C-alpha atoms as a PDB file:
ATOM      1  CA  MET A   1     -45.553  -0.304   6.248  1.00  0.00           C
ATOM      2  CA  THR A   2     -46.207   0.784   9.870  1.00  0.00           C
ATOM      3  CA  GLN A   3     -47.173   4.220  10.929  1.00  0.00           C
ATOM      4  CA  ILE A   4     -44.586   5.958  12.954  1.00  0.00           C
ATOM      5  CA  THR A   5     -46.337   7.630  15.956  1.00  0.00           C
ATOM      6  CA  SER A   6     -43.734   8.941  18.297  1.00  0.00           C
ATOM      7  CA  PRO A   7     -40.345  10.539  18.397  1.00  0.00           C
ATOM      8  CA  GLU A   8     -38.928   7.235  20.008  1.00  0.00           C
ATOM      9  CA  GLU A   9     -40.205   5.262  17.074  1.00  0.00           C
ATOM     10  CA  SER A  10     -38.715   7.745  14.701  1.00  0.00           C
ATOM     11  CA  TYR A  11     -35.519   7.662  16.390  1.00  0.00           C
ATOM     12  CA  LEU A  12     -35.185   3.824  16.599  1.00  0.00           C
ATOM     13  CA  ALA A  13     -36.066   3.532  12.951  1.00  0.00           C
ATOM     14  CA  LEU A  14     -33.307   5.886  12.201  1.00  0.00           C
ATOM     15  CA  VAL A  15     -30.975   3.995  14.212  1.00  0.00           C
ATOM     16  CA  GLU A  16     -31.958   0.740  12.423  1.00  0.00           C
ATOM     17  CA  PHE A  17     -31.419   2.415   8.978  1.00  0.00           C
ATOM     18  CA  LEU A  18     -28.082   3.806  10.067  1.00  0.00           C
ATOM     19  CA  MET A  19     -26.982   0.345  11.201  1.00  0.00           C
ATOM     20  CA  LEU A  20     -28.166  -1.210   7.881  1.00  0.00           C
ATOM     21  CA  ALA A  21     -26.411   1.601   5.762  1.00  0.00           C
ATOM     22  CA  LYS A  22     -23.224   1.065   7.915  1.00  0.00           C
ATOM     23  CA  GLN A  23     -23.147  -2.514   7.503  1.00  0.00           C
ATOM     24  CA  GLY A  24     -23.519  -2.091   3.536  1.00  0.00           C
ATOM     25  CA  LEU A  25     -20.756   0.478   3.535  1.00  0.00           C
ATOM     26  CA  TYR A  26     -18.374  -1.399   5.583  1.00  0.00           C
ATOM     27  CA  GLU A  27     -18.968  -4.634   3.398  1.00  0.00           C
ATOM     28  CA  ILE A  28     -18.531  -2.892  -0.016  1.00  0.00           C
ATOM     29  CA  GLY A  29     -15.724  -0.781   1.249  1.00  0.00           C
ATOM     30  CA  GLY A  30     -14.087  -3.964   2.063  1.00  0.00           C
ATOM     31  CA  GLU A  31     -14.234  -5.058  -1.691  1.00  0.00           C
ATOM     32  CA  PHE A  32     -12.146  -1.781  -2.468  1.00  0.00           C
ATOM     33  CA  GLU A  33      -9.593  -2.927   0.338  1.00  0.00           C
ATOM     34  CA  LEU A  34     -10.875  -0.107   2.594  1.00  0.00           C
ATOM     35  CA  SER A  35     -11.735  -0.263   6.297  1.00  0.00           C
ATOM     36  CA  GLY A  36     -15.133   1.030   7.241  1.00  0.00           C
ATOM     37  CA  MET A  37     -13.690   4.276   8.521  1.00  0.00           C
ATOM     38  CA  GLN A  38     -11.539   4.715   5.300  1.00  0.00           C
ATOM     39  CA  ALA A  39     -14.663   4.040   3.163  1.00  0.00           C
ATOM     40  CA  VAL A  40     -16.491   6.834   5.065  1.00  0.00           C
ATOM     41  CA  SER A  41     -13.689   9.037   4.969  1.00  0.00           C
ATOM     42  CA  ILE A  42     -13.358   8.750   1.133  1.00  0.00           C
ATOM     43  CA  LEU A  43     -17.103   9.312   0.822  1.00  0.00           C
ATOM     44  CA  LEU A  44     -16.686  12.581   2.922  1.00  0.00           C
ATOM     45  CA  LEU A  45     -14.160  14.054   0.572  1.00  0.00           C
ATOM     46  CA  SER A  46     -16.581  15.480  -1.915  1.00  0.00           C
ATOM     47  CA  GLU A  47     -14.135  18.432  -1.399  1.00  0.00           C
ATOM     48  CA  ALA A  48     -11.021  19.194   0.603  1.00  0.00           C
ATOM     49  CA  ARG A  49     -11.517  18.999   4.256  1.00  0.00           C
ATOM     50  CA  PRO A  50      -9.450  19.933   7.184  1.00  0.00           C
ATOM     51  CA  MET A  51      -8.215  16.899   9.252  1.00  0.00           C
ATOM     52  CA  HIS A  52     -10.098  18.275  12.424  1.00  0.00           C
ATOM     53  CA  HIS A  53     -13.256  17.812  10.437  1.00  0.00           C
ATOM     54  CA  PHE A  54     -12.810  14.077  10.568  1.00  0.00           C
ATOM     55  CA  THR A  55     -12.105  14.330  14.315  1.00  0.00           C
ATOM     56  CA  LYS A  56     -15.338  16.076  14.970  1.00  0.00           C
ATOM     57  CA  PHE A  57     -17.333  13.850  12.520  1.00  0.00           C
ATOM     58  CA  PHE A  58     -16.119  10.521  13.865  1.00  0.00           C
ATOM     59  CA  GLY A  59     -15.922  11.817  17.343  1.00  0.00           C
ATOM     60  CA  CYS A  60     -12.523  10.243  17.989  1.00  0.00           C
ATOM     61  CA  ASP A  61      -8.959  11.190  18.942  1.00  0.00           C
ATOM     62  CA  PRO A  62      -7.010  13.086  16.404  1.00  0.00           C
ATOM     63  CA  SER A  63      -4.269  10.143  16.495  1.00  0.00           C
ATOM     64  CA  ASN A  64      -7.090   7.796  15.154  1.00  0.00           C
ATOM     65  CA  ILE A  65      -7.904  10.167  12.106  1.00  0.00           C
ATOM     66  CA  THR A  66      -4.028  10.534  11.446  1.00  0.00           C
ATOM     67  CA  GLY A  67      -3.801   6.712  11.072  1.00  0.00           C
ATOM     68  CA  ILE A  68      -6.805   6.603   8.793  1.00  0.00           C
ATOM     69  CA  ILE A  69      -5.638   9.332   6.582  1.00  0.00           C
ATOM     70  CA  ASP A  70      -2.031   7.745   6.736  1.00  0.00           C
ATOM     71  CA  ALA A  71      -3.437   4.473   5.470  1.00  0.00           C
ATOM     72  CA  LEU A  72      -5.442   6.403   2.507  1.00  0.00           C
ATOM     73  CA  GLU A  73      -2.232   8.205   1.657  1.00  0.00           C
ATOM     74  CA  ALA A  74      -0.250   5.016   1.542  1.00  0.00           C
ATOM     75  CA  LYS A  75      -2.913   3.611  -0.968  1.00  0.00           C
ATOM     76  CA  GLY A  76      -2.386   6.835  -3.199  1.00  0.00           C
ATOM     77  CA  LEU A  77      -5.996   7.881  -2.587  1.00  0.00           C
ATOM     78  CA  VAL A  78      -5.654  11.174  -0.689  1.00  0.00           C
ATOM     79  CA  THR A  79      -2.993  13.710   0.164  1.00  0.00           C
ATOM     80  CA  ARG A  80      -2.643  16.299   2.882  1.00  0.00           C
ATOM     81  CA  VAL A  81      -1.930  19.984   1.933  1.00  0.00           C
ATOM     82  CA  GLU A  82      -1.280  22.893   4.062  1.00  0.00           C
ATOM     83  CA  SER A  83      -4.367  25.269   4.232  1.00  0.00           C
ATOM     84  CA  PRO A  84      -3.584  28.529   2.229  1.00  0.00           C
ATOM     85  CA  SER A  85      -5.078  30.562   5.163  1.00  0.00           C
ATOM     86  CA  ASP A  86      -3.494  28.751   7.961  1.00  0.00           C
ATOM     87  CA  ARG A  87      -0.424  26.703   7.771  1.00  0.00           C
ATOM     88  CA  ARG A  88      -1.048  24.779  10.995  1.00  0.00           C
ATOM     89  CA  ILE A  89      -4.172  23.198   9.239  1.00  0.00           C
ATOM     90  CA  LYS A  90      -3.809  20.319   7.058  1.00  0.00           C
ATOM     91  CA  ASN A  91      -6.503  19.629   4.519  1.00  0.00           C
ATOM     92  CA  VAL A  92      -7.179  16.285   3.086  1.00  0.00           C
ATOM     93  CA  THR A  93      -8.025  16.180  -0.501  1.00  0.00           C
ATOM     94  CA  LEU A  94      -8.552  13.289  -3.067  1.00  0.00           C
ATOM     95  CA  LEU A  95      -5.872  12.294  -5.509  1.00  0.00           C
ATOM     96  CA  PRO A  96      -7.133  11.147  -8.985  1.00  0.00           C
ATOM     97  CA  LYS A  97      -7.023   7.454  -7.847  1.00  0.00           C
ATOM     98  CA  GLY A  98      -8.977   8.480  -4.797  1.00  0.00           C
ATOM     99  CA  THR A  99     -11.635  10.269  -7.135  1.00  0.00           C
ATOM    100  CA  LYS A 100     -12.032   7.006  -9.286  1.00  0.00           C
ATOM    101  CA  VAL A 101     -12.304   4.957  -6.046  1.00  0.00           C
ATOM    102  CA  ARG A 102     -14.824   7.368  -4.482  1.00  0.00           C
ATOM    103  CA  SER A 103     -17.038   7.295  -7.822  1.00  0.00           C
ATOM    104  CA  ALA A 104     -17.005   3.439  -7.991  1.00  0.00           C
ATOM    105  CA  LEU A 105     -17.656   3.035  -4.125  1.00  0.00           C
ATOM    106  CA  LEU A 106     -20.581   5.309  -4.498  1.00  0.00           C
ATOM    107  CA  ASN A 107     -21.848   3.484  -7.691  1.00  0.00           C
ATOM    108  CA  LYS A 108     -21.475   0.049  -6.079  1.00  0.00           C
ATOM    109  CA  LEU A 109     -23.197   1.330  -2.855  1.00  0.00           C
ATOM    110  CA  THR A 110     -26.161   2.722  -4.865  1.00  0.00           C
ATOM    111  CA  THR A 111     -26.545  -0.168  -7.272  1.00  0.00           C
ATOM    112  CA  SER A 112     -26.159  -3.077  -5.073  1.00  0.00           C
ATOM    113  CA  LYS A 113     -29.179  -5.149  -4.140  1.00  0.00           C
ATOM    114  CA  GLU A 114     -28.646  -4.330  -0.519  1.00  0.00           C
ATOM    115  CA  TYR A 115     -28.955  -0.490  -1.043  1.00  0.00           C
ATOM    116  CA  PRO A 116     -31.311   0.464   1.618  1.00  0.00           C
ATOM    117  CA  LEU A 117     -33.068   3.108  -0.410  1.00  0.00           C
ATOM    118  CA  SER A 118     -33.905   0.698  -3.320  1.00  0.00           C
ATOM    119  CA  LYS A 119     -37.261   0.021  -1.746  1.00  0.00           C
ATOM    120  CA  LEU A 120     -38.311   3.566  -2.330  1.00  0.00           C
ATOM    121  CA  THR A 121     -39.829   5.217  -5.380  1.00  0.00           C
ATOM    122  CA  PRO A 122     -37.957   7.996  -6.986  1.00  0.00           C
ATOM    123  CA  ASP A 123     -40.229  10.603  -5.313  1.00  0.00           C
ATOM    124  CA  GLU A 124     -39.854   8.846  -1.809  1.00  0.00           C
ATOM    125  CA  ALA A 125     -36.033   8.802  -2.232  1.00  0.00           C
ATOM    126  CA  LYS A 126     -36.203  12.616  -3.177  1.00  0.00           C
ATOM    127  CA  THR A 127     -38.144  13.290  -0.047  1.00  0.00           C
ATOM    128  CA  PHE A 128     -35.806  11.066   2.055  1.00  0.00           C
ATOM    129  CA  THR A 129     -32.929  12.916   0.846  1.00  0.00           C
ATOM    130  CA  SER A 130     -34.478  16.377   1.250  1.00  0.00           C
ATOM    131  CA  LEU A 131     -35.398  15.520   4.785  1.00  0.00           C
ATOM    132  CA  VAL A 132     -31.894  14.219   5.795  1.00  0.00           C
ATOM    133  CA  GLN A 133     -30.334  17.278   4.243  1.00  0.00           C
ATOM    134  CA  LYS A 134     -32.546  19.537   6.321  1.00  0.00           C
ATOM    135  CA  ILE A 135     -31.491  17.528   9.476  1.00  0.00           C
ATOM    136  CA  THR A 136     -27.863  17.382   8.901  1.00  0.00           C
ATOM    137  CA  HIS A 137     -27.538  21.139   7.657  1.00  0.00           C
ATOM    138  CA  ALA A 138     -29.569  22.344  10.678  1.00  0.00           C
END
């Protein structure tokens, strides 16, 4: 393993990892008849989220998110419900079938031979997760 010596190398390593993870997610999502964006959306639904969360996360137009969520609704995986605090806001939540698909998707992603973190020891995976959470929750 090479020693990373600069912020540039760190960033390029991160981009390479993200593209590898994205490729695996999109391929395995296809096995569940989900587009890449649908698969990511399902994974983001550990709890109900407002529609605008997806717009910010994906950095795209709200109409694109509407199309993604419409397709997930048509598959019986999610539903939109009015926010109890603001009826203008629609929250997306998993339906029971969506919860099962999310769980199966996560299982397949983390047990596949292409799982990017499979090369790490359990301690390294724990450190990796901790560092990513530190970065993403900052």
